[in-house]
N, C-alpha and C. Protein backbone atom coordinates (compact mmCIF):
# COMPACT_ATOMS: atom_id res chain seq x y z
N UNK A 1 -10.94 -78.29 -73.20
CA UNK A 1 -12.54 -79.08 -73.34
C UNK A 1 -13.70 -78.60 -71.85
N UNK A 2 -14.70 -78.73 -72.05
CA UNK A 2 -15.83 -78.57 -71.12
C UNK A 2 -15.59 -79.85 -70.68
N UNK A 3 -16.77 -79.44 -69.45
CA UNK A 3 -16.64 -80.80 -67.80
C UNK A 3 -18.03 -80.69 -67.85
N UNK A 4 -18.64 -81.79 -67.77
CA UNK A 4 -20.37 -81.60 -66.77
C UNK A 4 -20.29 -80.37 -65.91
N UNK A 5 -21.34 -79.64 -66.30
CA UNK A 5 -21.67 -78.92 -66.02
C UNK A 5 -21.13 -77.44 -66.23
N UNK A 6 -19.73 -77.18 -67.10
CA UNK A 6 -19.56 -76.12 -68.02
C UNK A 6 -20.32 -75.78 -69.08
N UNK A 7 -21.72 -76.34 -69.52
CA UNK A 7 -22.17 -76.12 -70.43
C UNK A 7 -24.21 -76.24 -70.24
N UNK A 8 -24.88 -76.49 -71.37
CA UNK A 8 -26.70 -76.42 -71.28
C UNK A 8 -26.66 -77.45 -73.08
N UNK A 9 -27.21 -78.14 -73.04
CA UNK A 9 -27.51 -78.38 -74.76
C UNK A 9 -27.71 -77.43 -74.95
N UNK A 10 -29.00 -76.74 -74.95
CA UNK A 10 -29.68 -75.95 -75.77
C UNK A 10 -29.57 -74.62 -75.65
N UNK A 11 -29.69 -73.62 -75.76
CA UNK A 11 -30.29 -71.97 -75.61
C UNK A 11 -31.32 -71.51 -76.81
N UNK A 12 -32.01 -71.84 -77.36
CA UNK A 12 -33.15 -71.95 -78.78
C UNK A 12 -32.95 -70.16 -78.91
N UNK A 13 -31.18 -70.49 -79.23
CA UNK A 13 -31.49 -68.86 -80.17
C UNK A 13 -30.13 -68.96 -81.02
N UNK A 14 -30.46 -68.61 -81.86
CA UNK A 14 -29.40 -68.98 -83.59
C UNK A 14 -28.01 -67.89 -82.84
N UNK A 15 -26.56 -67.70 -83.36
CA UNK A 15 -25.97 -67.03 -83.14
C UNK A 15 -25.93 -66.14 -83.71
N UNK A 16 -25.45 -64.79 -82.40
CA UNK A 16 -26.10 -63.83 -83.18
C UNK A 16 -24.71 -62.95 -83.84
N UNK A 17 -25.10 -62.18 -85.17
CA UNK A 17 -24.70 -61.56 -85.72
C UNK A 17 -25.04 -60.02 -86.11
N UNK A 18 -23.57 -59.36 -86.25
CA UNK A 18 -23.50 -58.00 -86.19
C UNK A 18 -24.37 -57.60 -87.54
N UNK A 19 -24.74 -56.39 -87.50
CA UNK A 19 -25.57 -55.54 -88.68
C UNK A 19 -25.01 -56.33 -89.97
N UNK A 20 -23.71 -55.87 -90.45
CA UNK A 20 -22.88 -56.92 -91.47
C UNK A 20 -23.26 -58.16 -91.19
N UNK A 21 -23.95 -59.15 -90.86
CA UNK A 21 -24.10 -60.93 -91.00
C UNK A 21 -22.46 -61.20 -90.52
N UNK A 22 -21.11 -60.56 -89.71
CA UNK A 22 -20.56 -61.40 -89.42
C UNK A 22 -21.18 -62.44 -87.96
N UNK A 23 -20.61 -63.16 -87.65
CA UNK A 23 -21.11 -63.76 -86.32
C UNK A 23 -20.01 -62.77 -84.74
N UNK A 24 -20.58 -62.51 -84.29
CA UNK A 24 -20.02 -61.77 -83.19
C UNK A 24 -19.68 -63.26 -81.84
N UNK A 25 -20.31 -63.86 -81.64
CA UNK A 25 -19.79 -64.69 -81.08
C UNK A 25 -19.32 -66.27 -81.17
N UNK A 26 -17.37 -65.89 -82.45
CA UNK A 26 -16.54 -66.80 -82.57
C UNK A 26 -16.55 -68.31 -81.78
N UNK A 27 -16.29 -67.74 -80.02
CA UNK A 27 -16.37 -68.06 -79.15
C UNK A 27 -17.15 -69.99 -79.21
N UNK A 28 -18.12 -69.22 -79.60
CA UNK A 28 -19.51 -70.05 -79.48
C UNK A 28 -20.10 -70.11 -80.24
N UNK A 29 -19.84 -71.29 -81.43
CA UNK A 29 -20.56 -71.39 -82.35
C UNK A 29 -21.62 -72.05 -82.83
N UNK A 30 -21.92 -73.41 -81.55
CA UNK A 30 -23.80 -73.91 -81.34
C UNK A 30 -23.66 -73.28 -80.63
N UNK A 31 -25.27 -73.48 -79.74
CA UNK A 31 -26.17 -72.90 -79.76
C UNK A 31 -26.46 -73.28 -78.41
N UNK A 32 -25.33 -74.60 -78.10
CA UNK A 32 -24.42 -74.00 -76.14
C UNK A 32 -24.94 -73.03 -75.90
N UNK A 33 -25.20 -72.92 -74.20
CA UNK A 33 -24.41 -71.73 -73.59
C UNK A 33 -23.45 -72.43 -72.71
N UNK A 34 -22.83 -71.62 -72.44
CA UNK A 34 -21.06 -72.40 -71.19
C UNK A 34 -21.29 -71.68 -70.89
N UNK A 35 -21.10 -72.47 -69.77
CA UNK A 35 -20.61 -71.16 -68.23
C UNK A 35 -19.67 -71.60 -67.64
N UNK A 36 -19.57 -69.80 -66.94
CA UNK A 36 -18.16 -69.74 -65.84
C UNK A 36 -18.28 -70.28 -64.86
N UNK A 37 -17.73 -71.18 -63.89
CA UNK A 37 -17.54 -71.62 -62.85
C UNK A 37 -17.76 -70.56 -61.44
N UNK A 38 -16.28 -69.99 -61.72
CA UNK A 38 -16.62 -68.60 -60.87
C UNK A 38 -15.96 -67.12 -61.28
N UNK A 39 -17.49 -66.86 -62.22
CA UNK A 39 -17.74 -65.50 -61.89
C UNK A 39 -16.92 -64.62 -61.47
N UNK A 40 -15.90 -63.73 -62.21
CA UNK A 40 -15.43 -61.57 -61.90
C UNK A 40 -16.62 -61.09 -62.66
N UNK A 41 -16.62 -59.86 -61.46
CA UNK A 41 -17.66 -59.16 -62.45
C UNK A 41 -16.92 -57.67 -61.44
N UNK A 42 -16.69 -56.88 -62.38
CA UNK A 42 -16.17 -56.26 -62.39
C UNK A 42 -17.70 -55.13 -62.09
N UNK A 43 -17.82 -54.12 -60.83
CA UNK A 43 -19.59 -53.73 -60.95
C UNK A 43 -18.76 -52.20 -59.36
N UNK A 44 -20.09 -51.55 -59.05
CA UNK A 44 -19.53 -51.21 -57.91
C UNK A 44 -20.11 -52.09 -56.43
N UNK A 45 -19.25 -51.02 -55.46
CA UNK A 45 -20.04 -52.58 -54.24
C UNK A 45 -21.26 -52.19 -53.83
N UNK A 46 -22.14 -51.37 -53.91
CA UNK A 46 -23.46 -51.38 -53.45
C UNK A 46 -24.37 -51.87 -54.77
N UNK A 47 -23.76 -52.85 -56.68
CA UNK A 47 -24.15 -52.89 -57.00
C UNK A 47 -24.96 -54.33 -56.87
N UNK A 48 -26.52 -54.96 -57.10
CA UNK A 48 -26.97 -55.97 -56.87
C UNK A 48 -27.37 -56.48 -58.01
N UNK A 49 -27.96 -58.14 -57.34
CA UNK A 49 -28.79 -58.87 -59.33
C UNK A 49 -29.16 -59.82 -58.75
N UNK A 50 -30.05 -60.59 -59.57
CA UNK A 50 -31.26 -61.38 -59.97
C UNK A 50 -30.46 -62.42 -60.59
N UNK A 51 -29.40 -63.52 -59.38
CA UNK A 51 -29.66 -64.93 -60.52
C UNK A 51 -31.02 -65.46 -60.04
N UNK A 52 -31.18 -65.93 -61.63
CA UNK A 52 -32.04 -67.58 -62.48
C UNK A 52 -31.32 -68.54 -62.10
N UNK A 53 -30.79 -69.47 -61.36
CA UNK A 53 -30.37 -70.28 -60.68
C UNK A 53 -31.14 -72.13 -61.05
N UNK A 54 -31.74 -72.58 -62.08
CA UNK A 54 -32.06 -73.55 -62.12
C UNK A 54 -32.17 -74.61 -62.43
N UNK A 55 -32.28 -74.96 -63.32
CA UNK A 55 -32.36 -76.78 -65.00
C UNK A 55 -33.02 -76.43 -66.47
N UNK A 56 -32.52 -77.03 -66.93
CA UNK A 56 -33.60 -77.09 -68.06
C UNK A 56 -34.43 -76.10 -67.85
N UNK A 57 -35.73 -75.91 -67.04
CA UNK A 57 -36.93 -74.88 -67.30
C UNK A 57 -36.63 -73.69 -67.95
N UNK A 58 -35.42 -73.30 -66.18
CA UNK A 58 -35.01 -72.12 -65.94
C UNK A 58 -33.76 -72.28 -67.91
N UNK A 59 -33.21 -72.26 -67.86
CA UNK A 59 -32.83 -72.81 -69.42
C UNK A 59 -33.64 -72.17 -70.72
N UNK A 60 -34.65 -72.54 -70.86
CA UNK A 60 -36.05 -72.07 -71.93
C UNK A 60 -36.77 -73.24 -72.32
N UNK A 61 -35.43 -75.28 -72.14
CA UNK A 61 -35.68 -75.66 -73.23
C UNK A 61 -37.18 -75.39 -73.68
N UNK A 62 -37.58 -75.95 -75.23
CA UNK A 62 -39.49 -75.77 -75.30
C UNK A 62 -39.45 -74.55 -75.40
N UNK A 63 -38.54 -73.34 -75.35
CA UNK A 63 -39.22 -72.06 -75.34
C UNK A 63 -39.24 -72.02 -77.14
N UNK A 64 -39.36 -70.49 -77.58
CA UNK A 64 -39.12 -70.35 -79.26
C UNK A 64 -37.33 -70.07 -79.36
N UNK A 65 -37.56 -70.37 -80.56
CA UNK A 65 -35.68 -70.03 -81.47
C UNK A 65 -36.09 -68.64 -81.33
N UNK A 66 -34.98 -67.74 -80.33
CA UNK A 66 -34.93 -66.49 -80.76
C UNK A 66 -35.89 -65.70 -79.94
N UNK A 67 -37.07 -66.29 -79.26
CA UNK A 67 -37.50 -65.63 -78.59
C UNK A 67 -37.84 -65.12 -77.27
N UNK A 68 -36.43 -65.40 -77.05
CA UNK A 68 -36.90 -64.97 -75.23
C UNK A 68 -37.68 -64.94 -74.51
N UNK A 69 -38.84 -66.00 -74.75
CA UNK A 69 -39.57 -66.26 -74.06
C UNK A 69 -40.08 -67.06 -73.15
N UNK A 70 -38.18 -67.66 -72.21
CA UNK A 70 -38.32 -67.50 -71.29
C UNK A 70 -38.33 -67.83 -69.88
N UNK A 71 -38.94 -67.90 -68.50
CA UNK A 71 -39.53 -67.45 -68.02
C UNK A 71 -38.77 -66.53 -67.37
N UNK A 72 -36.99 -66.58 -67.48
CA UNK A 72 -35.91 -65.32 -66.75
C UNK A 72 -36.77 -64.22 -67.25
N UNK A 73 -36.89 -64.41 -68.62
CA UNK A 73 -37.33 -63.00 -69.90
C UNK A 73 -38.21 -61.90 -69.65
N UNK A 74 -39.08 -63.05 -69.25
CA UNK A 74 -40.25 -62.66 -68.80
C UNK A 74 -40.58 -61.36 -67.57
N UNK A 75 -39.26 -62.83 -66.55
CA UNK A 75 -39.37 -61.73 -65.08
C UNK A 75 -38.43 -60.18 -65.74
N UNK A 76 -37.72 -60.15 -66.09
CA UNK A 76 -36.45 -58.99 -66.48
C UNK A 76 -37.75 -57.85 -68.16
N UNK A 77 -38.77 -59.10 -68.56
CA UNK A 77 -39.15 -57.43 -68.70
C UNK A 77 -40.37 -57.30 -67.60
N UNK A 78 -40.85 -57.69 -66.75
CA UNK A 78 -41.91 -57.60 -65.40
C UNK A 78 -41.08 -55.93 -65.00
N UNK A 79 -40.01 -56.93 -64.96
CA UNK A 79 -38.89 -55.64 -64.62
C UNK A 79 -38.35 -54.19 -64.79
N UNK A 80 -38.82 -54.53 -66.53
CA UNK A 80 -38.10 -52.99 -66.79
C UNK A 80 -39.36 -52.00 -67.04
N UNK A 81 -40.49 -52.87 -67.64
CA UNK A 81 -42.04 -52.20 -67.08
C UNK A 81 -42.09 -51.50 -65.83
N UNK A 82 -42.07 -52.23 -64.76
CA UNK A 82 -41.86 -50.71 -63.05
C UNK A 82 -41.19 -50.42 -62.95
N UNK A 83 -39.59 -50.49 -63.19
CA UNK A 83 -38.66 -49.80 -63.15
C UNK A 83 -38.22 -48.83 -63.87
N UNK A 84 -38.72 -48.97 -65.41
CA UNK A 84 -38.67 -48.38 -66.02
C UNK A 84 -37.37 -48.23 -67.30
N UNK A 85 -36.20 -47.46 -67.48
CA UNK A 85 -34.98 -48.14 -68.57
C UNK A 85 -33.81 -48.31 -67.36
N UNK A 86 -34.51 -47.75 -65.62
CA UNK A 86 -32.69 -48.12 -65.40
C UNK A 86 -32.90 -48.22 -63.92
N UNK A 87 -33.82 -49.54 -64.64
CA UNK A 87 -34.27 -51.03 -63.82
C UNK A 87 -32.77 -51.79 -62.68
N UNK A 88 -31.42 -51.84 -63.63
CA UNK A 88 -30.84 -51.65 -63.01
C UNK A 88 -30.15 -50.95 -62.23
N UNK A 89 -30.27 -49.38 -61.87
CA UNK A 89 -30.35 -47.80 -61.08
C UNK A 89 -31.39 -48.36 -59.87
N UNK A 90 -32.08 -48.43 -60.66
CA UNK A 90 -33.53 -48.49 -59.23
C UNK A 90 -32.81 -49.64 -58.34
N UNK A 91 -32.71 -50.84 -58.57
CA UNK A 91 -32.75 -52.07 -57.79
C UNK A 91 -31.48 -52.01 -57.60
N UNK A 92 -30.80 -51.32 -57.59
CA UNK A 92 -29.89 -51.36 -56.59
C UNK A 92 -30.07 -49.85 -55.26
N UNK A 93 -30.87 -49.45 -55.25
CA UNK A 93 -31.56 -49.06 -54.22
C UNK A 93 -33.00 -50.05 -53.78
N UNK A 94 -33.61 -50.38 -54.09
CA UNK A 94 -34.09 -50.65 -53.82
C UNK A 94 -33.93 -52.57 -53.05
N UNK A 95 -32.90 -52.53 -53.19
CA UNK A 95 -32.46 -54.40 -52.92
C UNK A 95 -31.51 -54.10 -51.61
N UNK A 96 -31.83 -54.32 -50.84
CA UNK A 96 -31.01 -54.76 -49.80
C UNK A 96 -30.42 -56.17 -48.58
N UNK A 97 -29.53 -56.42 -49.15
CA UNK A 97 -28.83 -57.90 -48.87
C UNK A 97 -28.57 -58.49 -49.62
N UNK A 98 -29.55 -60.15 -49.85
CA UNK A 98 -29.92 -61.19 -50.39
C UNK A 98 -30.23 -62.01 -50.33
N UNK A 99 -31.37 -61.79 -50.83
CA UNK A 99 -32.99 -62.77 -50.42
C UNK A 99 -32.62 -64.08 -51.22
N UNK A 100 -33.11 -65.26 -50.57
CA UNK A 100 -33.36 -66.39 -51.65
C UNK A 100 -35.07 -66.75 -51.73
N UNK A 101 -35.07 -66.51 -52.91
CA UNK A 101 -36.59 -66.33 -53.11
C UNK A 101 -36.84 -68.36 -53.59
N UNK A 102 -37.56 -69.19 -53.33
CA UNK A 102 -37.77 -71.08 -53.70
C UNK A 102 -38.02 -70.60 -54.35
N UNK A 103 -38.42 -71.63 -55.75
CA UNK A 103 -40.01 -72.06 -56.53
C UNK A 103 -40.22 -73.60 -56.24
N UNK A 104 -41.63 -74.15 -57.30
CA UNK A 104 -41.77 -74.94 -56.29
C UNK A 104 -41.51 -75.89 -57.84
N UNK A 105 -41.98 -77.19 -57.56
CA UNK A 105 -41.40 -77.99 -59.12
C UNK A 105 -42.22 -78.16 -60.09
N UNK A 106 -42.92 -77.96 -61.30
CA UNK A 106 -43.78 -78.09 -61.62
C UNK A 106 -43.73 -79.63 -62.10
N UNK A 107 -45.40 -80.05 -63.12
CA UNK A 107 -45.25 -81.75 -62.50
C UNK A 107 -45.04 -82.13 -63.91
N UNK A 108 -44.47 -83.70 -64.15
CA UNK A 108 -44.30 -83.51 -64.87
C UNK A 108 -45.03 -85.22 -65.37
N UNK A 109 -45.65 -84.78 -64.29
CA UNK A 109 -47.19 -86.47 -64.77
C UNK A 109 -47.16 -86.94 -66.12
N UNK A 110 -47.05 -88.14 -66.20
CA UNK A 110 -47.34 -88.72 -67.51
C UNK A 110 -46.32 -88.10 -68.75
N UNK A 111 -45.11 -88.18 -68.56
CA UNK A 111 -43.73 -87.57 -69.05
C UNK A 111 -43.98 -89.22 -69.90
N UNK A 112 -43.21 -88.13 -71.50
CA UNK A 112 -42.64 -89.36 -72.78
C UNK A 112 -41.39 -89.74 -72.06
N UNK A 113 -40.72 -88.93 -70.54
CA UNK A 113 -39.55 -88.98 -70.57
C UNK A 113 -39.27 -90.35 -69.58
N UNK A 114 -39.20 -91.71 -69.87
CA UNK A 114 -38.25 -92.73 -68.51
C UNK A 114 -38.38 -92.43 -67.18
N UNK A 115 -37.56 -90.54 -67.12
CA UNK A 115 -37.31 -90.57 -65.45
C UNK A 115 -37.02 -89.75 -65.05
N UNK A 116 -38.61 -89.40 -65.64
CA UNK A 116 -39.19 -88.38 -65.17
C UNK A 116 -40.89 -89.17 -65.20
N UNK A 117 -42.15 -88.35 -64.88
CA UNK A 117 -43.59 -88.77 -64.79
C UNK A 117 -44.19 -90.40 -64.43
N UNK A 118 -43.99 -90.67 -63.54
CA UNK A 118 -44.14 -91.77 -63.31
C UNK A 118 -45.03 -91.44 -61.38
N UNK A 119 -45.92 -91.66 -60.71
CA UNK A 119 -46.71 -91.31 -59.66
C UNK A 119 -45.64 -91.15 -58.86
N UNK A 120 -44.87 -91.90 -58.93
CA UNK A 120 -44.47 -92.72 -57.48
C UNK A 120 -42.96 -90.36 -57.30
N UNK A 121 -42.85 -90.96 -58.35
CA UNK A 121 -41.53 -89.28 -58.85
C UNK A 121 -42.87 -87.75 -58.43
N UNK A 122 -43.83 -88.74 -59.24
CA UNK A 122 -44.88 -87.34 -58.48
C UNK A 122 -45.15 -86.84 -57.40
N UNK A 123 -45.49 -87.86 -56.48
CA UNK A 123 -45.42 -87.72 -55.15
C UNK A 123 -44.17 -87.43 -54.25
N UNK A 124 -42.83 -87.03 -55.16
CA UNK A 124 -41.90 -87.07 -53.91
C UNK A 124 -41.60 -85.42 -55.00
N UNK A 125 -42.30 -85.08 -55.63
CA UNK A 125 -42.05 -83.69 -55.55
C UNK A 125 -43.68 -82.99 -55.33
N UNK A 126 -44.76 -83.20 -54.88
CA UNK A 126 -45.07 -82.91 -54.43
C UNK A 126 -44.93 -82.81 -53.11
N UNK A 127 -44.04 -84.07 -52.05
CA UNK A 127 -43.65 -83.70 -51.08
C UNK A 127 -42.32 -81.79 -51.13
N UNK A 128 -41.66 -82.33 -51.63
CA UNK A 128 -40.48 -81.46 -51.81
C UNK A 128 -41.14 -80.25 -51.65
N UNK A 129 -42.44 -80.36 -53.05
CA UNK A 129 -43.19 -78.91 -52.45
C UNK A 129 -44.02 -78.05 -51.23
N UNK A 130 -44.47 -79.05 -50.85
CA UNK A 130 -44.41 -78.85 -49.16
C UNK A 130 -43.32 -78.00 -49.18
N UNK A 131 -42.54 -78.63 -48.85
CA UNK A 131 -41.73 -77.75 -48.07
C UNK A 131 -41.64 -76.50 -48.30
N UNK A 132 -41.12 -77.16 -49.73
CA UNK A 132 -40.64 -75.61 -49.31
C UNK A 132 -41.37 -74.61 -49.70
N UNK A 133 -43.30 -74.76 -50.07
CA UNK A 133 -44.23 -73.57 -49.81
C UNK A 133 -44.52 -73.05 -47.47
N UNK A 134 -43.39 -74.48 -46.92
CA UNK A 134 -43.90 -73.40 -45.93
C UNK A 134 -42.90 -74.33 -44.84
N UNK A 135 -41.34 -74.50 -45.78
CA UNK A 135 -40.38 -75.16 -44.35
C UNK A 135 -40.00 -73.63 -43.76
N UNK A 136 -40.15 -72.31 -44.27
CA UNK A 136 -39.95 -71.41 -43.98
C UNK A 136 -38.11 -71.01 -44.27
N UNK A 137 -37.71 -71.85 -44.94
CA UNK A 137 -36.27 -72.16 -46.33
C UNK A 137 -35.92 -70.96 -46.00
N UNK A 138 -37.11 -70.01 -47.10
CA UNK A 138 -36.58 -68.96 -48.30
C UNK A 138 -37.45 -68.21 -47.57
N UNK A 139 -37.50 -66.52 -48.52
CA UNK A 139 -37.97 -65.44 -48.27
C UNK A 139 -39.01 -64.99 -49.33
N UNK A 140 -38.93 -66.29 -49.97
CA UNK A 140 -40.17 -65.61 -50.75
C UNK A 140 -40.44 -66.49 -51.60
N UNK A 141 -41.64 -67.21 -52.22
CA UNK A 141 -42.40 -68.22 -53.22
C UNK A 141 -42.14 -67.60 -54.39
N UNK A 142 -41.93 -68.86 -56.22
CA UNK A 142 -42.82 -68.31 -56.41
C UNK A 142 -43.15 -69.34 -56.89
N UNK A 143 -44.54 -69.58 -56.63
CA UNK A 143 -45.43 -70.84 -57.05
C UNK A 143 -45.46 -71.22 -58.63
N UNK A 144 -44.85 -71.86 -58.92
CA UNK A 144 -44.64 -72.90 -60.46
C UNK A 144 -45.19 -73.37 -60.86
N UNK A 145 -45.56 -74.30 -59.23
CA UNK A 145 -46.00 -75.53 -59.81
C UNK A 145 -48.23 -75.56 -60.00
N UNK A 146 -48.18 -74.28 -59.22
CA UNK A 146 -49.98 -74.17 -58.81
C UNK A 146 -50.15 -72.69 -60.58
N UNK A 147 -48.51 -72.25 -61.16
CA UNK A 147 -49.08 -71.79 -62.39
C UNK A 147 -48.85 -73.01 -63.67
N UNK A 148 -48.99 -73.79 -63.35
CA UNK A 148 -48.91 -74.25 -64.92
C UNK A 148 -49.52 -76.07 -64.74
N UNK A 149 -50.14 -75.79 -63.54
CA UNK A 149 -50.83 -77.21 -63.32
C UNK A 149 -52.37 -77.35 -63.72
N UNK A 150 -52.30 -77.91 -64.94
CA UNK A 150 -53.86 -79.19 -64.42
C UNK A 150 -54.27 -79.30 -63.35
N UNK A 151 -55.10 -79.58 -62.38
CA UNK A 151 -55.67 -79.74 -61.07
C UNK A 151 -56.95 -80.73 -62.10
N UNK A 152 -57.68 -81.12 -62.78
CA UNK A 152 -57.46 -81.68 -62.80
C UNK A 152 -56.62 -83.20 -63.33
N UNK A 153 -55.90 -83.28 -64.32
CA UNK A 153 -54.99 -84.59 -64.30
C UNK A 153 -54.01 -84.71 -63.56
N UNK A 154 -53.23 -84.11 -62.71
CA UNK A 154 -52.18 -83.90 -62.12
C UNK A 154 -51.01 -83.31 -62.83
N UNK A 155 -51.03 -83.62 -64.02
CA UNK A 155 -50.11 -82.56 -65.20
C UNK A 155 -49.34 -81.26 -65.25
N UNK A 156 -48.48 -81.27 -66.16
CA UNK A 156 -49.45 -79.42 -66.69
C UNK A 156 -50.18 -79.13 -67.51
N UNK A 157 -50.71 -78.00 -67.51
CA UNK A 157 -52.01 -77.33 -68.24
C UNK A 157 -51.70 -78.81 -69.53
N UNK A 158 -52.92 -78.51 -71.26
CA UNK A 158 -52.38 -79.03 -72.11
C UNK A 158 -52.12 -77.98 -73.29
N UNK A 159 -53.02 -76.49 -72.59
CA UNK A 159 -52.46 -75.11 -73.57
C UNK A 159 -50.59 -75.29 -73.69
N UNK A 160 -49.51 -76.16 -72.31
CA UNK A 160 -48.65 -75.31 -72.03
C UNK A 160 -48.00 -76.17 -72.44
N UNK A 161 -48.24 -77.43 -73.09
CA UNK A 161 -47.05 -78.58 -73.68
C UNK A 161 -46.61 -78.75 -74.78
N UNK A 162 -47.67 -78.08 -75.77
CA UNK A 162 -46.71 -78.13 -77.02
C UNK A 162 -45.38 -77.43 -77.55
N UNK A 163 -44.84 -78.30 -77.93
CA UNK A 163 -43.26 -77.90 -78.66
C UNK A 163 -43.11 -76.73 -79.12
N UNK A 164 -42.37 -74.64 -78.89
CA UNK A 164 -43.45 -73.22 -79.09
C UNK A 164 -42.54 -73.16 -80.50
N UNK A 165 -40.52 -73.96 -80.46
CA UNK A 165 -39.99 -74.31 -82.23
C UNK A 165 -40.10 -74.95 -82.67
N UNK A 166 -40.14 -76.39 -82.30
CA UNK A 166 -40.37 -77.14 -83.32
C UNK A 166 -41.81 -77.86 -84.08
N UNK A 167 -43.60 -77.23 -82.66
CA UNK A 167 -44.15 -77.45 -82.57
C UNK A 167 -44.43 -78.93 -82.78
N UNK A 168 -43.78 -79.41 -81.50
CA UNK A 168 -44.01 -81.48 -81.23
C UNK A 168 -44.37 -81.17 -80.90
N UNK A 169 -45.23 -82.03 -79.99
CA UNK A 169 -46.03 -82.39 -78.92
C UNK A 169 -45.42 -82.23 -77.42
N UNK A 170 -44.09 -81.88 -77.43
CA UNK A 170 -43.80 -81.90 -76.12
C UNK A 170 -43.65 -82.88 -75.80
N UNK A 171 -42.78 -82.73 -73.87
CA UNK A 171 -42.37 -83.49 -73.91
C UNK A 171 -43.14 -84.28 -72.15
N UNK A 172 -44.17 -82.81 -71.40
CA UNK A 172 -44.45 -82.40 -70.83
C UNK A 172 -44.19 -82.58 -69.34
N UNK A 173 -42.76 -82.30 -69.57
CA UNK A 173 -42.12 -81.63 -68.65
C UNK A 173 -41.60 -80.08 -68.82
N UNK A 174 -40.83 -79.62 -69.84
CA UNK A 174 -40.72 -78.67 -70.04
C UNK A 174 -41.85 -77.66 -70.34
N UNK A 175 -42.48 -77.16 -70.54
CA UNK A 175 -43.46 -75.69 -70.55
C UNK A 175 -42.98 -75.35 -72.56
N UNK A 176 -43.89 -74.95 -72.67
CA UNK A 176 -44.06 -73.98 -74.34
C UNK A 176 -43.80 -72.55 -74.17
N UNK A 177 -43.57 -71.65 -74.71
CA UNK A 177 -43.51 -70.36 -74.28
C UNK A 177 -44.50 -69.38 -73.43
N UNK A 178 -46.17 -70.03 -73.31
CA UNK A 178 -46.77 -70.18 -73.05
C UNK A 178 -46.76 -70.40 -71.61
N UNK A 179 -46.30 -71.38 -71.31
CA UNK A 179 -46.03 -71.76 -70.12
C UNK A 179 -45.01 -71.20 -69.20
N UNK A 180 -43.94 -70.95 -69.33
CA UNK A 180 -42.98 -69.83 -69.70
C UNK A 180 -43.72 -68.29 -69.40
N UNK A 181 -44.19 -67.63 -69.86
CA UNK A 181 -44.86 -66.80 -70.44
C UNK A 181 -45.98 -66.35 -68.46
N UNK A 182 -46.38 -67.76 -67.99
CA UNK A 182 -47.14 -68.24 -67.40
C UNK A 182 -45.81 -67.84 -65.80
N UNK A 183 -44.95 -69.06 -66.09
CA UNK A 183 -43.80 -68.98 -65.06
C UNK A 183 -43.48 -67.53 -63.96
N UNK A 184 -43.10 -66.44 -65.36
CA UNK A 184 -42.96 -65.30 -65.10
C UNK A 184 -43.73 -64.57 -64.51
N UNK A 185 -44.79 -64.90 -64.79
CA UNK A 185 -46.03 -63.50 -64.35
C UNK A 185 -46.50 -63.72 -62.93
N UNK A 186 -46.10 -65.42 -62.21
CA UNK A 186 -46.68 -66.01 -60.99
C UNK A 186 -45.49 -65.39 -60.09
N UNK A 187 -44.41 -65.01 -60.30
CA UNK A 187 -43.22 -64.32 -59.34
C UNK A 187 -43.58 -62.65 -59.26
N UNK A 188 -43.98 -62.68 -57.53
CA UNK A 188 -44.76 -61.67 -57.28
C UNK A 188 -43.16 -60.63 -57.52
N UNK A 189 -43.47 -59.56 -57.48
CA UNK A 189 -41.92 -57.71 -57.87
C UNK A 189 -42.14 -57.87 -56.30
N UNK A 190 -43.35 -57.68 -55.36
CA UNK A 190 -42.47 -56.93 -54.27
C UNK A 190 -42.21 -58.24 -53.72
N UNK A 191 -41.33 -59.43 -54.10
CA UNK A 191 -40.23 -60.00 -53.23
C UNK A 191 -38.58 -59.69 -53.58
N UNK A 192 -39.17 -59.16 -54.55
CA UNK A 192 -37.21 -58.96 -55.23
C UNK A 192 -37.06 -57.17 -55.35
N UNK A 193 -38.27 -56.14 -54.82
CA UNK A 193 -38.19 -54.63 -53.96
C UNK A 193 -38.62 -54.73 -52.61
N UNK A 194 -38.36 -53.31 -52.45
CA UNK A 194 -38.66 -53.40 -51.10
C UNK A 194 -40.22 -52.47 -50.70
N UNK A 195 -39.70 -51.79 -52.44
CA UNK A 195 -41.00 -51.04 -52.33
C UNK A 195 -42.51 -51.85 -53.26
N UNK A 196 -43.57 -51.65 -52.56
CA UNK A 196 -45.05 -52.62 -52.66
C UNK A 196 -45.13 -52.00 -53.72
N UNK A 197 -45.53 -53.49 -55.12
CA UNK A 197 -45.66 -52.69 -56.71
C UNK A 197 -47.26 -53.24 -56.60
N UNK A 198 -47.42 -51.91 -57.50
CA UNK A 198 -48.98 -52.29 -57.51
C UNK A 198 -49.39 -53.75 -58.35
N UNK A 199 -50.01 -54.15 -58.29
CA UNK A 199 -50.28 -55.88 -59.22
C UNK A 199 -51.63 -55.29 -60.61
N UNK A 200 -51.66 -55.65 -61.30
CA UNK A 200 -52.29 -54.90 -62.75
C UNK A 200 -52.85 -56.19 -63.18
């Protein structure tokens, strides 16, 4: 039995099959993502990785089913464009030690979820974002709030709200594929590499 924290409710990906139509993930017949509590990897001592640690927005809730359009997917494609097919090998050469990149919280103001979106909760979010931006705790910042915020309303930009898979109205918490695209492009790749990356 899985315990709380070991799985996420939605992956927005159908179960994978091989070319003959046979399932390749019999261990995970649902769309849930099962997480390991303490993963162990066999890799060279100088291997490096990028870990996207977050919540349902990092998981891609409201993204497109099978679309690979969550913000970590966008970041992975950007890294591939910059470093080519050898993104893993090149990353090993360019990363030194561990860097922690903080990210601001996106607005949920006006959300249909009663646990989010009140003016009081938004004030707490803004205070936390101020600390993330100016507290000096992180090696760099990805300003997801600036990438998705509608300055006129204080909520998420209207074009980022409708749900990508169902076409529903959205919950004003989770961006759709266009919002995740904006978040993925809000990350300065120079935060992840020692050599400067030309902006396009």
